[in-house]
Amino acid sequence: MLRRTNLDGDRQADLHVHGGPDRAVMLYAAAHYPLWEAELGRRLEPGAFGENLTVEGLDEWLACLGDVLAVGEALIQLSQVRTPCYKVAYRNRVPDLVERISTTGRSGFYARVLREGRLWAGAPIELVERPNPKWTLDRARHAYAARSPELLAAAGLAEGWRHKLEVARAEGR
């Protein structure tokens, strides 16, 4: 069951940097796995990047910030790009994996839950609404890194990102 703040059975240890309403579930593109496997020279199991959902047909260059998706019985909205932490490197025994993820942009992305619902392996994913067609997740990642105030107008932006962008704007950065 996908709930407002997480997936049943998923527990985030540090809610300051993981989880919460805007980061209830993390999605990762299945298409990234063969690329990583070729680069790392070994097979990786689904979930190797800490994601809750390994998804087909969505990635950081196709999906847009604010996209509303029906997944199984749930309804979610993409809220921000994932910034990986050291745990993904530790888990995969690749010391520079965080840097590699940042360089490639194959980071995964978070979503908030608009409607709780049951999920299952192979559940269909359907685009319901795209309020920000110009804000692919990759473009949003770059705009956020540059602290671009233009990103503030994007519907569905995670509050944490919004706050940091507003602070940067107030400080003239």
C-alpha atoms as a PDB file:
ATOM      1  CA  MET A   1       0.000   0.000   0.000  1.00  0.00           C
ATOM      2  CA  LEU A   2       1.307   3.420  -0.923  1.00  0.00           C
ATOM      3  CA  ARG A   3       0.482   5.892   1.847  1.00  0.00           C
ATOM      4  CA  ARG A   4       0.784   9.684   2.030  1.00  0.00           C
ATOM      5  CA  THR A   5       4.286   9.557   3.497  1.00  0.00           C
ATOM      6  CA  ASN A   6       5.675   6.205   2.348  1.00  0.00           C
ATOM      7  CA  LEU A   7       5.128   2.697   1.094  1.00  0.00           C
ATOM      8  CA  ASP A   8       3.977   0.173   3.696  1.00  0.00           C
ATOM      9  CA  GLY A   9       7.062  -1.608   5.017  1.00  0.00           C
ATOM     10  CA  ASP A  10       9.391   1.242   4.045  1.00  0.00           C
ATOM     11  CA  ARG A  11      10.936   3.124   6.899  1.00  0.00           C
ATOM     12  CA  GLN A  12      13.186   6.117   6.410  1.00  0.00           C
ATOM     13  CA  ALA A  13      15.795   6.492   9.128  1.00  0.00           C
ATOM     14  CA  ASP A  14      16.426  10.215   8.672  1.00  0.00           C
ATOM     15  CA  LEU A  15      13.274  12.129   7.753  1.00  0.00           C
ATOM     16  CA  HIS A  16      15.261  15.349   7.405  1.00  0.00           C
ATOM     17  CA  VAL A  17      16.768  14.084   4.135  1.00  0.00           C
ATOM     18  CA  HIS A  18      14.509  11.122   3.276  1.00  0.00           C
ATOM     19  CA  GLY A  19      10.760  10.685   3.068  1.00  0.00           C
ATOM     20  CA  GLY A  20       8.030  13.087   4.065  1.00  0.00           C
ATOM     21  CA  PRO A  21       5.001  14.191   2.050  1.00  0.00           C
ATOM     22  CA  ASP A  22       6.980  15.526  -0.943  1.00  0.00           C
ATOM     23  CA  ARG A  23       9.297  12.497  -0.993  1.00  0.00           C
ATOM     24  CA  ALA A  24       6.891   9.718  -0.124  1.00  0.00           C
ATOM     25  CA  VAL A  25       8.129   7.423  -2.882  1.00  0.00           C
ATOM     26  CA  MET A  26      11.276   7.327  -5.013  1.00  0.00           C
ATOM     27  CA  LEU A  27      11.193   6.145  -8.626  1.00  0.00           C
ATOM     28  CA  TYR A  28      14.157   5.003 -10.680  1.00  0.00           C
ATOM     29  CA  ALA A  29      14.283   4.263 -14.404  1.00  0.00           C
ATOM     30  CA  ALA A  30      14.747   0.595 -15.256  1.00  0.00           C
ATOM     31  CA  ALA A  31      16.554   1.761 -18.414  1.00  0.00           C
ATOM     32  CA  HIS A  32      19.419   3.054 -16.239  1.00  0.00           C
ATOM     33  CA  TYR A  33      20.284  -0.417 -14.947  1.00  0.00           C
ATOM     34  CA  PRO A  34      21.931  -1.774 -18.118  1.00  0.00           C
ATOM     35  CA  LEU A  35      24.019   1.407 -18.335  1.00  0.00           C
ATOM     36  CA  TRP A  36      25.208   1.068 -14.744  1.00  0.00           C
ATOM     37  CA  GLU A  37      25.828  -2.659 -15.152  1.00  0.00           C
ATOM     38  CA  ALA A  38      28.034  -1.984 -18.186  1.00  0.00           C
ATOM     39  CA  GLU A  39      29.915   0.777 -16.348  1.00  0.00           C
ATOM     40  CA  LEU A  40      30.361  -1.199 -13.137  1.00  0.00           C
ATOM     41  CA  GLY A  41      30.946  -4.571 -14.789  1.00  0.00           C
ATOM     42  CA  ARG A  42      28.396  -6.447 -12.686  1.00  0.00           C
ATOM     43  CA  ARG A  43      24.722  -7.204 -12.342  1.00  0.00           C
ATOM     44  CA  LEU A  44      22.591  -4.993 -10.107  1.00  0.00           C
ATOM     45  CA  GLU A  45      19.361  -6.009  -8.443  1.00  0.00           C
ATOM     46  CA  PRO A  46      16.279  -3.763  -8.670  1.00  0.00           C
ATOM     47  CA  GLY A  47      16.338  -1.391  -5.720  1.00  0.00           C
ATOM     48  CA  ALA A  48      20.125  -1.004  -5.886  1.00  0.00           C
ATOM     49  CA  PHE A  49      19.688   2.769  -6.008  1.00  0.00           C
ATOM     50  CA  GLY A  50      17.370   2.905  -3.015  1.00  0.00           C
ATOM     51  CA  GLU A  51      14.231   3.338  -5.057  1.00  0.00           C
ATOM     52  CA  ASN A  52      10.800   2.124  -4.046  1.00  0.00           C
ATOM     53  CA  LEU A  53       9.713   1.709  -7.658  1.00  0.00           C
ATOM     54  CA  THR A  54      11.838   0.699 -10.618  1.00  0.00           C
ATOM     55  CA  VAL A  55       9.839   1.998 -13.572  1.00  0.00           C
ATOM     56  CA  GLU A  56       9.718   1.428 -17.323  1.00  0.00           C
ATOM     57  CA  GLY A  57       9.189   4.274 -19.769  1.00  0.00           C
ATOM     58  CA  LEU A  58      10.047   7.142 -17.414  1.00  0.00           C
ATOM     59  CA  ASP A  59      13.364   8.835 -16.812  1.00  0.00           C
ATOM     60  CA  GLU A  60      14.767  12.257 -15.967  1.00  0.00           C
ATOM     61  CA  TRP A  61      14.651  13.367 -19.630  1.00  0.00           C
ATOM     62  CA  LEU A  62      11.062  12.242 -20.310  1.00  0.00           C
ATOM     63  CA  ALA A  63       9.203  12.917 -17.065  1.00  0.00           C
ATOM     64  CA  CYS A  64       8.416  16.462 -15.971  1.00  0.00           C
ATOM     65  CA  LEU A  65       8.241  18.130 -12.611  1.00  0.00           C
ATOM     66  CA  GLY A  66       4.608  18.145 -11.472  1.00  0.00           C
ATOM     67  CA  ASP A  67       3.565  15.206 -13.658  1.00  0.00           C
ATOM     68  CA  VAL A  68       0.579  13.435 -12.132  1.00  0.00           C
ATOM     69  CA  LEU A  69       0.734   9.681 -12.647  1.00  0.00           C
ATOM     70  CA  ALA A  70      -1.720   6.897 -11.944  1.00  0.00           C
ATOM     71  CA  VAL A  71       0.295   3.945 -10.654  1.00  0.00           C
ATOM     72  CA  GLY A  72      -1.749   0.901  -9.779  1.00  0.00           C
ATOM     73  CA  GLU A  73      -4.543   2.269  -7.582  1.00  0.00           C
ATOM     74  CA  ALA A  74      -2.504   5.275  -6.408  1.00  0.00           C
ATOM     75  CA  LEU A  75      -2.136   8.762  -7.819  1.00  0.00           C
ATOM     76  CA  ILE A  76       1.258  10.459  -7.424  1.00  0.00           C
ATOM     77  CA  GLN A  77       2.856  13.753  -8.463  1.00  0.00           C
ATOM     78  CA  LEU A  78       6.538  14.100  -9.316  1.00  0.00           C
ATOM     79  CA  SER A  79       7.962  16.677  -6.907  1.00  0.00           C
ATOM     80  CA  GLN A  80      11.754  16.787  -7.178  1.00  0.00           C
ATOM     81  CA  VAL A  81      14.840  15.082  -8.496  1.00  0.00           C
ATOM     82  CA  ARG A  82      16.668  12.885  -6.046  1.00  0.00           C
ATOM     83  CA  THR A  83      20.014  14.050  -4.713  1.00  0.00           C
ATOM     84  CA  PRO A  84      21.839  10.841  -3.802  1.00  0.00           C
ATOM     85  CA  CYS A  85      23.654  10.458  -0.511  1.00  0.00           C
ATOM     86  CA  TYR A  86      26.618   8.344   0.509  1.00  0.00           C
ATOM     87  CA  LYS A  87      24.369   5.378   1.352  1.00  0.00           C
ATOM     88  CA  VAL A  88      23.882   4.451  -2.324  1.00  0.00           C
ATOM     89  CA  ALA A  89      27.678   4.346  -2.766  1.00  0.00           C
ATOM     90  CA  TYR A  90      28.130   2.312   0.404  1.00  0.00           C
ATOM     91  CA  ARG A  91      25.347  -0.112  -0.496  1.00  0.00           C
ATOM     92  CA  ASN A  92      26.783  -0.748  -3.964  1.00  0.00           C
ATOM     93  CA  ARG A  93      30.436  -0.720  -2.822  1.00  0.00           C
ATOM     94  CA  VAL A  94      31.332   2.000  -5.354  1.00  0.00           C
ATOM     95  CA  PRO A  95      33.041   4.886  -3.513  1.00  0.00           C
ATOM     96  CA  ASP A  96      32.479   7.471  -6.266  1.00  0.00           C
ATOM     97  CA  LEU A  97      28.926   6.442  -7.154  1.00  0.00           C
ATOM     98  CA  VAL A  98      27.354   9.660  -5.834  1.00  0.00           C
ATOM     99  CA  GLU A  99      29.595  11.679  -8.142  1.00  0.00           C
ATOM    100  CA  ARG A 100      28.838   9.360 -11.054  1.00  0.00           C
ATOM    101  CA  ILE A 101      25.103   9.692 -10.471  1.00  0.00           C
ATOM    102  CA  SER A 102      25.397  13.472 -10.325  1.00  0.00           C
ATOM    103  CA  THR A 103      27.480  13.581 -13.501  1.00  0.00           C
ATOM    104  CA  THR A 104      25.184  11.309 -15.510  1.00  0.00           C
ATOM    105  CA  GLY A 105      21.905  12.739 -14.200  1.00  0.00           C
ATOM    106  CA  ARG A 106      20.620   9.195 -13.656  1.00  0.00           C
ATOM    107  CA  SER A 107      19.472  10.068 -10.156  1.00  0.00           C
ATOM    108  CA  GLY A 108      15.866   9.001  -9.812  1.00  0.00           C
ATOM    109  CA  PHE A 109      13.033  11.207  -8.648  1.00  0.00           C
ATOM    110  CA  TYR A 110      10.593  11.656  -5.807  1.00  0.00           C
ATOM    111  CA  ALA A 111       6.831  11.905  -5.770  1.00  0.00           C
ATOM    112  CA  ARG A 112       4.132  12.943  -3.354  1.00  0.00           C
ATOM    113  CA  VAL A 113       1.023  10.799  -2.969  1.00  0.00           C
ATOM    114  CA  LEU A 114      -2.199  12.490  -4.078  1.00  0.00           C
ATOM    115  CA  ARG A 115      -4.324   9.364  -3.614  1.00  0.00           C
ATOM    116  CA  GLU A 116      -3.268   6.377  -1.546  1.00  0.00           C
ATOM    117  CA  GLY A 117      -3.572   3.030  -3.224  1.00  0.00           C
ATOM    118  CA  ARG A 118      -2.335  -0.480  -3.748  1.00  0.00           C
ATOM    119  CA  LEU A 119       0.706  -1.097  -5.970  1.00  0.00           C
ATOM    120  CA  TRP A 120       2.000  -4.330  -7.458  1.00  0.00           C
ATOM    121  CA  ALA A 121       4.828  -5.465  -9.709  1.00  0.00           C
ATOM    122  CA  GLY A 122       3.979  -4.616 -13.300  1.00  0.00           C
ATOM    123  CA  ALA A 123       1.247  -2.126 -12.318  1.00  0.00           C
ATOM    124  CA  PRO A 124       0.475   0.230 -15.184  1.00  0.00           C
ATOM    125  CA  ILE A 125       1.767   3.802 -15.027  1.00  0.00           C
ATOM    126  CA  GLU A 126      -0.366   6.357 -16.824  1.00  0.00           C
ATOM    127  CA  LEU A 127       0.281  10.066 -17.283  1.00  0.00           C
ATOM    128  CA  VAL A 128      -2.832  11.868 -16.013  1.00  0.00           C
ATOM    129  CA  GLU A 129      -1.652  15.485 -16.106  1.00  0.00           C
ATOM    130  CA  ARG A 130       1.448  17.422 -17.203  1.00  0.00           C
ATOM    131  CA  PRO A 131       1.285  20.973 -15.813  1.00  0.00           C
ATOM    132  CA  ASN A 132       4.930  21.817 -16.600  1.00  0.00           C
ATOM    133  CA  PRO A 133       5.838  20.385 -20.014  1.00  0.00           C
ATOM    134  CA  LYS A 134       8.952  22.557 -20.277  1.00  0.00           C
ATOM    135  CA  TRP A 135      10.323  21.369 -16.916  1.00  0.00           C
ATOM    136  CA  THR A 136      11.770  17.926 -17.575  1.00  0.00           C
ATOM    137  CA  LEU A 137      13.273  16.544 -14.402  1.00  0.00           C
ATOM    138  CA  ASP A 138      16.745  16.927 -15.889  1.00  0.00           C
ATOM    139  CA  ARG A 139      16.118  20.598 -16.667  1.00  0.00           C
ATOM    140  CA  ALA A 140      14.704  21.091 -13.156  1.00  0.00           C
ATOM    141  CA  ARG A 141      17.827  19.466 -11.681  1.00  0.00           C
ATOM    142  CA  HIS A 142      20.077  21.925 -13.500  1.00  0.00           C
ATOM    143  CA  ALA A 143      17.855  24.910 -12.618  1.00  0.00           C
ATOM    144  CA  TYR A 144      17.819  23.897  -8.963  1.00  0.00           C
ATOM    145  CA  ALA A 145      21.602  23.510  -8.884  1.00  0.00           C
ATOM    146  CA  ALA A 146      21.901  27.025 -10.362  1.00  0.00           C
ATOM    147  CA  ARG A 147      19.280  28.268  -7.862  1.00  0.00           C
ATOM    148  CA  SER A 148      17.216  29.628 -10.750  1.00  0.00           C
ATOM    149  CA  PRO A 149      14.153  31.518  -9.449  1.00  0.00           C
ATOM    150  CA  GLU A 150      12.369  30.562 -12.680  1.00  0.00           C
ATOM    151  CA  LEU A 151      11.817  27.091 -11.164  1.00  0.00           C
ATOM    152  CA  LEU A 152       9.643  28.614  -8.416  1.00  0.00           C
ATOM    153  CA  ALA A 153       6.751  28.959 -10.881  1.00  0.00           C
ATOM    154  CA  ALA A 154       6.625  25.200 -11.553  1.00  0.00           C
ATOM    155  CA  ALA A 155       3.475  23.545 -10.227  1.00  0.00           C
ATOM    156  CA  GLY A 156       4.139  20.663  -7.866  1.00  0.00           C
ATOM    157  CA  LEU A 157       7.628  21.735  -6.788  1.00  0.00           C
ATOM    158  CA  ALA A 158       8.640  20.148  -3.464  1.00  0.00           C
ATOM    159  CA  GLU A 159       8.469  22.563  -0.522  1.00  0.00           C
ATOM    160  CA  GLY A 160      12.093  21.860   0.443  1.00  0.00           C
ATOM    161  CA  TRP A 161      13.308  22.903  -2.993  1.00  0.00           C
ATOM    162  CA  ARG A 162      10.937  25.870  -3.008  1.00  0.00           C
ATOM    163  CA  HIS A 163      12.275  27.085   0.340  1.00  0.00           C
ATOM    164  CA  LYS A 164      15.928  26.831  -0.743  1.00  0.00           C
ATOM    165  CA  LEU A 165      15.182  28.687  -3.980  1.00  0.00           C
ATOM    166  CA  GLU A 166      13.322  31.443  -2.109  1.00  0.00           C
ATOM    167  CA  VAL A 167      16.214  31.832   0.345  1.00  0.00           C
ATOM    168  CA  ALA A 168      18.690  32.053  -2.551  1.00  0.00           C
ATOM    169  CA  ARG A 169      16.516  34.676  -4.249  1.00  0.00           C
ATOM    170  CA  ALA A 170      16.227  36.704  -1.032  1.00  0.00           C
ATOM    171  CA  GLU A 171      20.022  36.571  -0.610  1.00  0.00           C
ATOM    172  CA  GLY A 172      20.500  37.702  -4.206  1.00  0.00           C
ATOM    173  CA  ARG A 173      22.117  34.456  -5.389  1.00  0.00           C
END
